[in-house]
Structures are given as C-alpha cells and as structure tokens.
Amino acid sequence: MRCEIAAALLHKPKILFLDEPTLGLDVLARRELWKTIESLKGKMTIILTTHYMEEAEALSDRIGIMKDGKLFFVGTKEELYGKTGKANVEDAFVEIVAGGELDA
C-alpha cells in the first residue's frame, strides 16, 4: 500500500483518493499508513473511503456518511456528534443510518 501511495504522489496531485487503504493490513502496518496519511494532510485534499469508523475518526477533518448510495451527512466530527448526540463516529453512524438500532 505504501508503494501505491508513493506512486500516486509522484505527480503531486491536488486530490488523493484512497479507497479502503488499510483493508487487510495488520495492526502495525495500518498504524504506519495512518502516519503517512497524517503527514500528507494540508499538502493536498485526501478523500478516504473506509468501513472502519475508528479510522474515519482518527484521520478525518470532515466526514461524509453514505448508505445505499445516498449521502446522509457531511461535516466535522463535532458537527456529527452535535447532530446525533453521540460521542464517537461509530455510534453517530449507527444513529444516522439505522435510527440508532442495528438490524438483527
């Protein structure tokens, strides 16, 4: 994954798209990739898709929540917490897309 990101950065893009970049990585490799992503913040716009809510919470300045191709929310973590009354991204996600309850 680091090689793929390095190749993507060769042309100094204004926008870097990362689609599930940590999928299948072990814990240490994932944290190293997080550090790489953090180091790129402010140098370009990074659009990151992930199913890992803790990853979105750790890396994102703004979060978009989608379900079935519909965009339900876009804003900062603080705006997300304020809208849902929740204290973390995972609980806020569940509140928005499932009305606070998961299907059994």
PDB file of N, CA and C in Angstrom:
ATOM      1  N   MET A   1       0.830  -1.184   0.000  1.00  0.00           N
ATOM      2  CA  MET A   1       0.000   0.000   0.000  1.00  0.00           C
ATOM      3  C   MET A   1       0.877   1.253   0.000  1.00  0.00           C
ATOM      4  N   ARG A   2       1.969   1.229   0.747  1.00  0.00           N
ATOM      5  CA  ARG A   2       2.865   2.392   0.745  1.00  0.00           C
ATOM      6  C   ARG A   2       3.407   2.674  -0.640  1.00  0.00           C
ATOM      7  N   CYS A   3       3.719   1.625  -1.381  1.00  0.00           N
ATOM      8  CA  CYS A   3       4.213   1.797  -2.760  1.00  0.00           C
ATOM      9  C   CYS A   3       3.137   2.402  -3.645  1.00  0.00           C
ATOM     10  N   GLU A   4       1.906   1.968  -3.467  1.00  0.00           N
ATOM     11  CA  GLU A   4       0.812   2.531  -4.257  1.00  0.00           C
ATOM     12  C   GLU A   4       0.623   4.011  -3.951  1.00  0.00           C
ATOM     13  N   ILE A   5       0.702   4.375  -2.692  1.00  0.00           N
ATOM     14  CA  ILE A   5       0.570   5.790  -2.325  1.00  0.00           C
ATOM     15  C   ILE A   5       1.748   6.582  -2.875  1.00  0.00           C
ATOM     16  N   ALA A   6       2.953   6.024  -2.768  1.00  0.00           N
ATOM     17  CA  ALA A   6       4.132   6.705  -3.315  1.00  0.00           C
ATOM     18  C   ALA A   6       3.980   6.933  -4.816  1.00  0.00           C
ATOM     19  N   ALA A   7       3.490   5.927  -5.533  1.00  0.00           N
ATOM     20  CA  ALA A   7       3.279   6.073  -6.978  1.00  0.00           C
ATOM     21  C   ALA A   7       2.227   7.140  -7.263  1.00  0.00           C
ATOM     22  N   ALA A   8       1.176   7.172  -6.458  1.00  0.00           N
ATOM     23  CA  ALA A   8       0.119   8.166  -6.645  1.00  0.00           C
ATOM     24  C   ALA A   8       0.627   9.582  -6.392  1.00  0.00           C
ATOM     25  N   LEU A   9       1.634   9.717  -5.545  1.00  0.00           N
ATOM     26  CA  LEU A   9       2.152  11.042  -5.180  1.00  0.00           C
ATOM     27  C   LEU A   9       3.203  11.566  -6.151  1.00  0.00           C
ATOM     28  N   LEU A  10       3.688  10.731  -7.058  1.00  0.00           N
ATOM     29  CA  LEU A  10       4.746  11.141  -7.987  1.00  0.00           C
ATOM     30  C   LEU A  10       4.387  12.382  -8.791  1.00  0.00           C
ATOM     31  N   HIS A  11       3.125  12.510  -9.148  1.00  0.00           N
ATOM     32  CA  HIS A  11       2.695  13.622  -9.985  1.00  0.00           C
ATOM     33  C   HIS A  11       2.157  14.794  -9.174  1.00  0.00           C
ATOM     34  N   LYS A  12       2.375  14.760  -7.867  1.00  0.00           N
ATOM     35  CA  LYS A  12       1.955  15.821  -6.959  1.00  0.00           C
ATOM     36  C   LYS A  12       0.492  16.212  -7.187  1.00  0.00           C
ATOM     37  N   PRO A  13      -0.424  15.269  -6.965  1.00  0.00           N
ATOM     38  CA  PRO A  13      -1.837  15.554  -7.208  1.00  0.00           C
ATOM     39  C   PRO A  13      -2.390  16.550  -6.189  1.00  0.00           C
ATOM     40  N   LYS A  14      -3.422  17.269  -6.585  1.00  0.00           N
ATOM     41  CA  LYS A  14      -4.118  18.161  -5.656  1.00  0.00           C
ATOM     42  C   LYS A  14      -5.094  17.375  -4.800  1.00  0.00           C
ATOM     43  N   ILE A  15      -5.578  16.255  -5.370  1.00  0.00           N
ATOM     44  CA  ILE A  15      -6.526  15.392  -4.665  1.00  0.00           C
ATOM     45  C   ILE A  15      -5.994  13.959  -4.704  1.00  0.00           C
ATOM     46  N   LEU A  16      -5.975  13.309  -3.545  1.00  0.00           N
ATOM     47  CA  LEU A  16      -5.554  11.912  -3.442  1.00  0.00           C
ATOM     48  C   LEU A  16      -6.764  11.094  -2.995  1.00  0.00           C
ATOM     49  N   PHE A  17      -7.173  10.124  -3.808  1.00  0.00           N
ATOM     50  CA  PHE A  17      -8.284   9.239  -3.473  1.00  0.00           C
ATOM     51  C   PHE A  17      -7.720   7.948  -2.899  1.00  0.00           C
ATOM     52  N   LEU A  18      -8.158   7.590  -1.711  1.00  0.00           N
ATOM     53  CA  LEU A  18      -7.742   6.346  -1.061  1.00  0.00           C
ATOM     54  C   LEU A  18      -8.991   5.532  -0.762  1.00  0.00           C
ATOM     55  N   ASP A  19      -9.163   4.416  -1.454  1.00  0.00           N
ATOM     56  CA  ASP A  19     -10.338   3.569  -1.289  1.00  0.00           C
ATOM     57  C   ASP A  19      -9.980   2.370  -0.428  1.00  0.00           C
ATOM     58  N   GLU A  20     -10.446   2.395   0.812  1.00  0.00           N
ATOM     59  CA  GLU A  20     -10.184   1.315   1.766  1.00  0.00           C
ATOM     60  C   GLU A  20      -8.689   0.979   1.838  1.00  0.00           C
ATOM     61  N   PRO A  21      -7.830   1.971   2.113  1.00  0.00           N
ATOM     62  CA  PRO A  21      -6.383   1.733   2.042  1.00  0.00           C
ATOM     63  C   PRO A  21      -5.833   0.776   3.087  1.00  0.00           C
ATOM     64  N   THR A  22      -6.537   0.571   4.183  1.00  0.00           N
ATOM     65  CA  THR A  22      -5.992  -0.297   5.226  1.00  0.00           C
ATOM     66  C   THR A  22      -6.639  -1.675   5.256  1.00  0.00           C
ATOM     67  N   LEU A  23      -7.490  -1.962   4.287  1.00  0.00           N
ATOM     68  CA  LEU A  23      -8.152  -3.258   4.227  1.00  0.00           C
ATOM     69  C   LEU A  23      -7.108  -4.372   4.126  1.00  0.00           C
ATOM     70  N   GLY A  24      -7.156  -5.296   5.056  1.00  0.00           N
ATOM     71  CA  GLY A  24      -6.254  -6.440   5.028  1.00  0.00           C
ATOM     72  C   GLY A  24      -4.889  -6.203   5.639  1.00  0.00           C
ATOM     73  N   LEU A  25      -4.632  -5.000   6.149  1.00  0.00           N
ATOM     74  CA  LEU A  25      -3.333  -4.737   6.773  1.00  0.00           C
ATOM     75  C   LEU A  25      -3.342  -5.181   8.225  1.00  0.00           C
ATOM     76  N   ASP A  26      -2.180  -5.599   8.719  1.00  0.00           N
ATOM     77  CA  ASP A  26      -2.090  -5.905  10.140  1.00  0.00           C
ATOM     78  C   ASP A  26      -2.057  -4.594  10.922  1.00  0.00           C
ATOM     79  N   VAL A  27      -2.161  -4.697  12.224  1.00  0.00           N
ATOM     80  CA  VAL A  27      -2.279  -3.524  13.090  1.00  0.00           C
ATOM     81  C   VAL A  27      -1.103  -2.560  12.914  1.00  0.00           C
ATOM     82  N   LEU A  28       0.116  -3.078  12.881  1.00  0.00           N
ATOM     83  CA  LEU A  28       1.290  -2.211  12.769  1.00  0.00           C
ATOM     84  C   LEU A  28       1.362  -1.523  11.408  1.00  0.00           C
ATOM     85  N   ALA A  29       1.098  -2.271  10.336  1.00  0.00           N
ATOM     86  CA  ALA A  29       1.119  -1.677   9.001  1.00  0.00           C
ATOM     87  C   ALA A  29       0.018  -0.622   8.870  1.00  0.00           C
ATOM     88  N   ARG A  30      -1.116  -0.903   9.473  1.00  0.00           N
ATOM     89  CA  ARG A  30      -2.226   0.062   9.450  1.00  0.00           C
ATOM     90  C   ARG A  30      -1.828   1.373  10.140  1.00  0.00           C
ATOM     91  N   ARG A  31      -1.216   1.278  11.303  1.00  0.00           N
ATOM     92  CA  ARG A  31      -0.797   2.482  12.031  1.00  0.00           C
ATOM     93  C   ARG A  31       0.274   3.250  11.260  1.00  0.00           C
ATOM     94  N   GLU A  32       1.172   2.556  10.600  1.00  0.00           N
ATOM     95  CA  GLU A  32       2.190   3.221   9.777  1.00  0.00           C
ATOM     96  C   GLU A  32       1.538   3.967   8.618  1.00  0.00           C
ATOM     97  N   LEU A  33       0.536   3.349   8.004  1.00  0.00           N
ATOM     98  CA  LEU A  33      -0.173   4.013   6.920  1.00  0.00           C
ATOM     99  C   LEU A  33      -0.929   5.224   7.441  1.00  0.00           C
ATOM    100  N   TRP A  34      -1.494   5.128   8.638  1.00  0.00           N
ATOM    101  CA  TRP A  34      -2.166   6.284   9.250  1.00  0.00           C
ATOM    102  C   TRP A  34      -1.182   7.443   9.394  1.00  0.00           C
ATOM    103  N   LYS A  35       0.049   7.127   9.837  1.00  0.00           N
ATOM    104  CA  LYS A  35       1.067   8.178   9.981  1.00  0.00           C
ATOM    105  C   LYS A  35       1.376   8.823   8.637  1.00  0.00           C
ATOM    106  N   THR A  36       1.455   8.012   7.596  1.00  0.00           N
ATOM    107  CA  THR A  36       1.711   8.539   6.256  1.00  0.00           C
ATOM    108  C   THR A  36       0.583   9.466   5.822  1.00  0.00           C
ATOM    109  N   ILE A  37      -0.645   9.033   6.031  1.00  0.00           N
ATOM    110  CA  ILE A  37      -1.804   9.855   5.664  1.00  0.00           C
ATOM    111  C   ILE A  37      -1.792  11.155   6.459  1.00  0.00           C
ATOM    112  N   GLU A  38      -1.524  11.072   7.746  1.00  0.00           N
ATOM    113  CA  GLU A  38      -1.443  12.283   8.589  1.00  0.00           C
ATOM    114  C   GLU A  38      -0.387  13.246   8.065  1.00  0.00           C
ATOM    115  N   SER A  39       0.739  12.721   7.605  1.00  0.00           N
ATOM    116  CA  SER A  39       1.828  13.579   7.126  1.00  0.00           C
ATOM    117  C   SER A  39       1.456  14.300   5.829  1.00  0.00           C
ATOM    118  N   LEU A  40       0.480  13.787   5.106  1.00  0.00           N
ATOM    119  CA  LEU A  40       0.051  14.399   3.846  1.00  0.00           C
ATOM    120  C   LEU A  40      -1.029  15.467   4.034  1.00  0.00           C
ATOM    121  N   LYS A  41      -1.637  15.482   5.210  1.00  0.00           N
ATOM    122  CA  LYS A  41      -2.699  16.454   5.472  1.00  0.00           C
ATOM    123  C   LYS A  41      -2.147  17.877   5.347  1.00  0.00           C
ATOM    124  N   GLY A  42      -2.917  18.731   4.691  1.00  0.00           N
ATOM    125  CA  GLY A  42      -2.502  20.108   4.487  1.00  0.00           C
ATOM    126  C   GLY A  42      -1.716  20.317   3.205  1.00  0.00           C
ATOM    127  N   LYS A  43      -1.234  19.220   2.622  1.00  0.00           N
ATOM    128  CA  LYS A  43      -0.474  19.308   1.380  1.00  0.00           C
ATOM    129  C   LYS A  43      -1.363  19.051   0.163  1.00  0.00           C
ATOM    130  N   MET A  44      -2.484  18.380   0.391  1.00  0.00           N
ATOM    131  CA  MET A  44      -3.429  18.056  -0.680  1.00  0.00           C
ATOM    132  C   MET A  44      -4.742  17.655  -0.030  1.00  0.00           C
ATOM    133  N   THR A  45      -5.779  17.599  -0.822  1.00  0.00           N
ATOM    134  CA  THR A  45      -7.061  17.084  -0.347  1.00  0.00           C
ATOM    135  C   THR A  45      -6.997  15.562  -0.427  1.00  0.00           C
ATOM    136  N   ILE A  46      -7.375  14.911   0.656  1.00  0.00           N
ATOM    137  CA  ILE A  46      -7.383  13.453   0.698  1.00  0.00           C
ATOM    138  C   ILE A  46      -8.822  12.993   0.885  1.00  0.00           C
ATOM    139  N   ILE A  47      -9.287  12.176  -0.042  1.00  0.00           N
ATOM    140  CA  ILE A  47     -10.611  11.571   0.078  1.00  0.00           C
ATOM    141  C   ILE A  47     -10.386  10.098   0.386  1.00  0.00           C
ATOM    142  N   LEU A  48     -10.848   9.686   1.551  1.00  0.00           N
ATOM    143  CA  LEU A  48     -10.603   8.342   2.060  1.00  0.00           C
ATOM    144  C   LEU A  48     -11.941   7.643   2.282  1.00  0.00           C
ATOM    145  N   THR A  49     -12.113   6.485   1.674  1.00  0.00           N
ATOM    146  CA  THR A  49     -13.293   5.676   1.978  1.00  0.00           C
ATOM    147  C   THR A  49     -12.878   4.572   2.930  1.00  0.00           C
ATOM    148  N   THR A  50     -13.738   4.290   3.896  1.00  0.00           N
ATOM    149  CA  THR A  50     -13.429   3.247   4.864  1.00  0.00           C
ATOM    150  C   THR A  50     -14.703   2.750   5.521  1.00  0.00           C
ATOM    151  N   HIS A  51     -14.673   1.495   5.917  1.00  0.00           N
ATOM    152  CA  HIS A  51     -15.748   0.931   6.727  1.00  0.00           C
ATOM    153  C   HIS A  51     -15.355   0.939   8.207  1.00  0.00           C
ATOM    154  N   TYR A  52     -14.111   1.315   8.484  1.00  0.00           N
ATOM    155  CA  TYR A  52     -13.616   1.327   9.859  1.00  0.00           C
ATOM    156  C   TYR A  52     -13.875   2.698  10.474  1.00  0.00           C
ATOM    157  N   MET A  53     -14.848   2.773  11.373  1.00  0.00           N
ATOM    158  CA  MET A  53     -15.244   4.062  11.937  1.00  0.00           C
ATOM    159  C   MET A  53     -14.128   4.698  12.772  1.00  0.00           C
ATOM    160  N   GLU A  54     -13.329   3.873  13.456  1.00  0.00           N
ATOM    161  CA  GLU A  54     -12.224   4.437  14.245  1.00  0.00           C
ATOM    162  C   GLU A  54     -11.179   5.066  13.321  1.00  0.00           C
ATOM    163  N   GLU A  55     -11.064   4.548  12.116  1.00  0.00           N
ATOM    164  CA  GLU A  55     -10.147   5.119  11.137  1.00  0.00           C
ATOM    165  C   GLU A  55     -10.647   6.490  10.667  1.00  0.00           C
ATOM    166  N   ALA A  56     -11.926   6.561  10.371  1.00  0.00           N
ATOM    167  CA  ALA A  56     -12.519   7.844   9.983  1.00  0.00           C
ATOM    168  C   ALA A  56     -12.365   8.855  11.107  1.00  0.00           C
ATOM    169  N   GLU A  57     -12.592   8.410  12.316  1.00  0.00           N
ATOM    170  CA  GLU A  57     -12.497   9.296  13.477  1.00  0.00           C
ATOM    171  C   GLU A  57     -11.068   9.797  13.679  1.00  0.00           C
ATOM    172  N   ALA A  58     -10.095   8.930  13.492  1.00  0.00           N
ATOM    173  CA  ALA A  58      -8.695   9.284  13.727  1.00  0.00           C
ATOM    174  C   ALA A  58      -8.115  10.167  12.628  1.00  0.00           C
ATOM    175  N   LEU A  59      -8.533   9.974  11.391  1.00  0.00           N
ATOM    176  CA  LEU A  59      -7.854  10.618  10.264  1.00  0.00           C
ATOM    177  C   LEU A  59      -8.597  11.795   9.637  1.00  0.00           C
ATOM    178  N   SER A  60      -9.886  11.898   9.869  1.00  0.00           N
ATOM    179  CA  SER A  60     -10.686  12.843   9.091  1.00  0.00           C
ATOM    180  C   SER A  60     -10.894  14.187   9.755  1.00  0.00           C
ATOM    181  N   ASP A  61     -10.841  15.221   8.924  1.00  0.00           N
ATOM    182  CA  ASP A  61     -11.245  16.559   9.360  1.00  0.00           C
ATOM    183  C   ASP A  61     -12.741  16.740   9.118  1.00  0.00           C
ATOM    184  N   ARG A  62     -13.215  16.132   8.027  1.00  0.00           N
ATOM    185  CA  ARG A  62     -14.637  16.145   7.685  1.00  0.00           C
ATOM    186  C   ARG A  62     -15.047  14.727   7.329  1.00  0.00           C
ATOM    187  N   ILE A  63     -16.291  14.391   7.665  1.00  0.00           N
ATOM    188  CA  ILE A  63     -16.790  13.034   7.451  1.00  0.00           C
ATOM    189  C   ILE A  63     -18.071  13.104   6.630  1.00  0.00           C
ATOM    190  N   GLY A  64     -18.165  12.209   5.664  1.00  0.00           N
ATOM    191  CA  GLY A  64     -19.408  12.023   4.918  1.00  0.00           C
ATOM    192  C   GLY A  64     -19.929  10.635   5.220  1.00  0.00           C
ATOM    193  N   ILE A  65     -21.225  10.531   5.492  1.00  0.00           N
ATOM    194  CA  ILE A  65     -21.836   9.238   5.781  1.00  0.00           C
ATOM    195  C   ILE A  65     -22.805   8.904   4.661  1.00  0.00           C
ATOM    196  N   MET A  66     -22.577   7.737   4.059  1.00  0.00           N
ATOM    197  CA  MET A  66     -23.423   7.274   2.955  1.00  0.00           C
ATOM    198  C   MET A  66     -24.027   5.922   3.288  1.00  0.00           C
ATOM    199  N   LYS A  67     -25.217   5.711   2.739  1.00  0.00           N
ATOM    200  CA  LYS A  67     -25.853   4.393   2.808  1.00  0.00           C
ATOM    201  C   LYS A  67     -26.660   4.224   1.535  1.00  0.00           C
ATOM    202  N   ASP A  68     -26.494   3.090   0.891  1.00  0.00           N
ATOM    203  CA  ASP A  68     -27.224   2.780  -0.339  1.00  0.00           C
ATOM    204  C   ASP A  68     -27.099   3.888  -1.376  1.00  0.00           C
ATOM    205  N   GLY A  69     -25.907   4.466  -1.468  1.00  0.00           N
ATOM    206  CA  GLY A  69     -25.654   5.491  -2.474  1.00  0.00           C
ATOM    207  C   GLY A  69     -26.185   6.865  -2.130  1.00  0.00           C
ATOM    208  N   LYS A  70     -26.780   7.031  -0.957  1.00  0.00           N
ATOM    209  CA  LYS A  70     -27.306   8.331  -0.537  1.00  0.00           C
ATOM    210  C   LYS A  70     -26.385   8.937   0.517  1.00  0.00           C
ATOM    211  N   LEU A  71     -26.143  10.224   0.366  1.00  0.00           N
ATOM    212  CA  LEU A  71     -25.319  10.948   1.330  1.00  0.00           C
ATOM    213  C   LEU A  71     -26.224  11.487   2.433  1.00  0.00           C
ATOM    214  N   PHE A  72     -26.005  11.027   3.649  1.00  0.00           N
ATOM    215  CA  PHE A  72     -26.838  11.402   4.780  1.00  0.00           C
ATOM    216  C   PHE A  72     -26.252  12.540   5.612  1.00  0.00           C
ATOM    217  N   PHE A  73     -24.922  12.677   5.574  1.00  0.00           N
ATOM    218  CA  PHE A  73     -24.277  13.699   6.405  1.00  0.00           C
ATOM    219  C   PHE A  73     -22.925  14.056   5.820  1.00  0.00           C
ATOM    220  N   VAL A  74     -22.568  15.336   5.906  1.00  0.00           N
ATOM    221  CA  VAL A  74     -21.211  15.800   5.619  1.00  0.00           C
ATOM    222  C   VAL A  74     -20.908  16.902   6.617  1.00  0.00           C
ATOM    223  N   GLY A  75     -19.794  16.778   7.320  1.00  0.00           N
ATOM    224  CA  GLY A  75     -19.396  17.807   8.274  1.00  0.00           C
ATOM    225  C   GLY A  75     -18.246  17.345   9.134  1.00  0.00           C
ATOM    226  N   THR A  76     -17.930  18.141  10.122  1.00  0.00           N
ATOM    227  CA  THR A  76     -16.852  17.799  11.049  1.00  0.00           C
ATOM    228  C   THR A  76     -17.339  16.757  12.056  1.00  0.00           C
ATOM    229  N   LYS A  77     -16.404  16.160  12.759  1.00  0.00           N
ATOM    230  CA  LYS A  77     -16.772  15.208  13.804  1.00  0.00           C
ATOM    231  C   LYS A  77     -17.637  15.892  14.856  1.00  0.00           C
ATOM    232  N   GLU A  78     -17.277  17.118  15.200  1.00  0.00           N
ATOM    233  CA  GLU A  78     -18.033  17.845  16.212  1.00  0.00           C
ATOM    234  C   GLU A  78     -19.469  18.092  15.747  1.00  0.00           C
ATOM    235  N   GLU A  79     -19.642  18.433  14.472  1.00  0.00           N
ATOM    236  CA  GLU A  79     -20.991  18.621  13.928  1.00  0.00           C
ATOM    237  C   GLU A  79     -21.760  17.302  13.944  1.00  0.00           C
ATOM    238  N   LEU A  80     -21.073  16.207  13.629  1.00  0.00           N
ATOM    239  CA  LEU A  80     -21.689  14.882  13.651  1.00  0.00           C
ATOM    240  C   LEU A  80     -22.141  14.528  15.063  1.00  0.00           C
ATOM    241  N   TYR A  81     -21.273  14.762  16.041  1.00  0.00           N
ATOM    242  CA  TYR A  81     -21.623  14.462  17.428  1.00  0.00           C
ATOM    243  C   TYR A  81     -22.791  15.326  17.888  1.00  0.00           C
ATOM    244  N   GLY A  82     -22.782  16.606  17.499  1.00  0.00           N
ATOM    245  CA  GLY A  82     -23.869  17.510  17.868  1.00  0.00           C
ATOM    246  C   GLY A  82     -25.195  17.094  17.252  1.00  0.00           C
ATOM    247  N   LYS A  83     -25.158  16.657  16.009  1.00  0.00           N
ATOM    248  CA  LYS A  83     -26.385  16.246  15.311  1.00  0.00           C
ATOM    249  C   LYS A  83     -26.998  14.996  15.927  1.00  0.00           C
ATOM    250  N   THR A  84     -26.147  14.066  16.355  1.00  0.00           N
ATOM    251  CA  THR A  84     -26.641  12.770  16.830  1.00  0.00           C
ATOM    252  C   THR A  84     -26.672  12.645  18.350  1.00  0.00           C
ATOM    253  N   GLY A  85     -25.960  13.513  19.043  1.00  0.00           N
ATOM    254  CA  GLY A  85     -25.865  13.375  20.492  1.00  0.00           C
ATOM    255  C   GLY A  85     -24.953  12.231  20.915  1.00  0.00           C
ATOM    256  N   LYS A  86     -24.154  11.745  19.985  1.00  0.00           N
ATOM    257  CA  LYS A  86     -23.239  10.634  20.275  1.00  0.00           C
ATOM    258  C   LYS A  86     -21.824  11.158  20.448  1.00  0.00           C
ATOM    259  N   ALA A  87     -20.964  10.354  21.076  1.00  0.00           N
ATOM    260  CA  ALA A  87     -19.610  10.800  21.396  1.00  0.00           C
ATOM    261  C   ALA A  87     -18.539  10.162  20.536  1.00  0.00           C
ATOM    262  N   ASN A  88     -18.927   9.322  19.569  1.00  0.00           N
ATOM    263  CA  ASN A  88     -17.945   8.744  18.672  1.00  0.00           C
ATOM    264  C   ASN A  88     -18.587   8.504  17.305  1.00  0.00           C
ATOM    265  N   VAL A  89     -17.758   8.342  16.302  1.00  0.00           N
ATOM    266  CA  VAL A  89     -18.234   8.229  14.923  1.00  0.00           C
ATOM    267  C   VAL A  89     -19.067   6.969  14.713  1.00  0.00           C
ATOM    268  N   GLU A  90     -18.666   5.862  15.297  1.00  0.00           N
ATOM    269  CA  GLU A  90     -19.419   4.624  15.087  1.00  0.00           C
ATOM    270  C   GLU A  90     -20.849   4.746  15.604  1.00  0.00           C
ATOM    271  N   ASP A  91     -21.016   5.235  16.817  1.00  0.00           N
ATOM    272  CA  ASP A  91     -22.369   5.397  17.361  1.00  0.00           C
ATOM    273  C   ASP A  91     -23.165   6.426  16.565  1.00  0.00           C
ATOM    274  N   ALA A  92     -22.509   7.492  16.120  1.00  0.00           N
ATOM    275  CA  ALA A  92     -23.184   8.506  15.308  1.00  0.00           C
ATOM    276  C   ALA A  92     -23.601   7.925  13.967  1.00  0.00           C
ATOM    277  N   PHE A  93     -22.745   7.101  13.362  1.00  0.00           N
ATOM    278  CA  PHE A  93     -23.075   6.439  12.105  1.00  0.00           C
ATOM    279  C   PHE A  93     -24.327   5.580  12.266  1.00  0.00           C
ATOM    280  N   VAL A  94     -24.353   4.766  13.306  1.00  0.00           N
ATOM    281  CA  VAL A  94     -25.494   3.893  13.556  1.00  0.00           C
ATOM    282  C   VAL A  94     -26.757   4.731  13.755  1.00  0.00           C
ATOM    283  N   GLU A  95     -26.648   5.806  14.483  1.00  0.00           N
ATOM    284  CA  GLU A  95     -27.793   6.688  14.724  1.00  0.00           C
ATOM    285  C   GLU A  95     -28.347   7.241  13.410  1.00  0.00           C
ATOM    286  N   ILE A  96     -27.467   7.645  12.525  1.00  0.00           N
ATOM    287  CA  ILE A  96     -27.897   8.254  11.272  1.00  0.00           C
ATOM    288  C   ILE A  96     -28.465   7.233  10.292  1.00  0.00           C
ATOM    289  N   VAL A  97     -27.788   6.128  10.099  1.00  0.00           N
ATOM    290  CA  VAL A  97     -28.219   5.194   9.050  1.00  0.00           C
ATOM    291  C   VAL A  97     -29.194   4.127   9.517  1.00  0.00           C
ATOM    292  N   ALA A  98     -29.262   3.873  10.807  1.00  0.00           N
ATOM    293  CA  ALA A  98     -30.138   2.811  11.295  1.00  0.00           C
ATOM    294  C   ALA A  98     -31.087   3.304  12.384  1.00  0.00           C
ATOM    295  N   GLY A  99     -31.201   4.600  12.542  1.00  0.00           N
ATOM    296  CA  GLY A  99     -32.094   5.117  13.572  1.00  0.00           C
ATOM    297  C   GLY A  99     -31.701   4.719  14.966  1.00  0.00           C
ATOM    298  N   GLY A 100     -30.398   4.480  15.174  1.00  0.00           N
ATOM    299  CA  GLY A 100     -29.895   4.134  16.496  1.00  0.00           C
ATOM    300  C   GLY A 100     -29.905   2.657  16.812  1.00  0.00           C
ATOM    301  N   GLU A 101     -30.496   1.853  15.903  1.00  0.00           N
ATOM    302  CA  GLU A 101     -30.574   0.415  16.153  1.00  0.00           C
ATOM    303  C   GLU A 101     -30.031  -0.345  14.970  1.00  0.00           C
ATOM    304  N   LEU A 102     -29.326  -1.413  15.246  1.00  0.00           N
ATOM    305  CA  LEU A 102     -28.836  -2.296  14.194  1.00  0.00           C
ATOM    306  C   LEU A 102     -29.858  -3.380  13.929  1.00  0.00           C
ATOM    307  N   ASP A 103     -29.970  -3.781  12.659  1.00  0.00           N
ATOM    308  CA  ASP A 103     -30.859  -4.897  12.323  1.00  0.00           C
ATOM    309  C   ASP A 103     -30.302  -6.172  12.926  1.00  0.00           C
ATOM    310  N   ALA A 104     -31.188  -7.023  13.361  1.00  0.00           N
ATOM    311  CA  ALA A 104     -30.756  -8.300  13.952  1.00  0.00           C
ATOM    312  C   ALA A 104     -30.427  -9.314  12.898  1.00  0.00           C
TER     313      ALA A 104
END
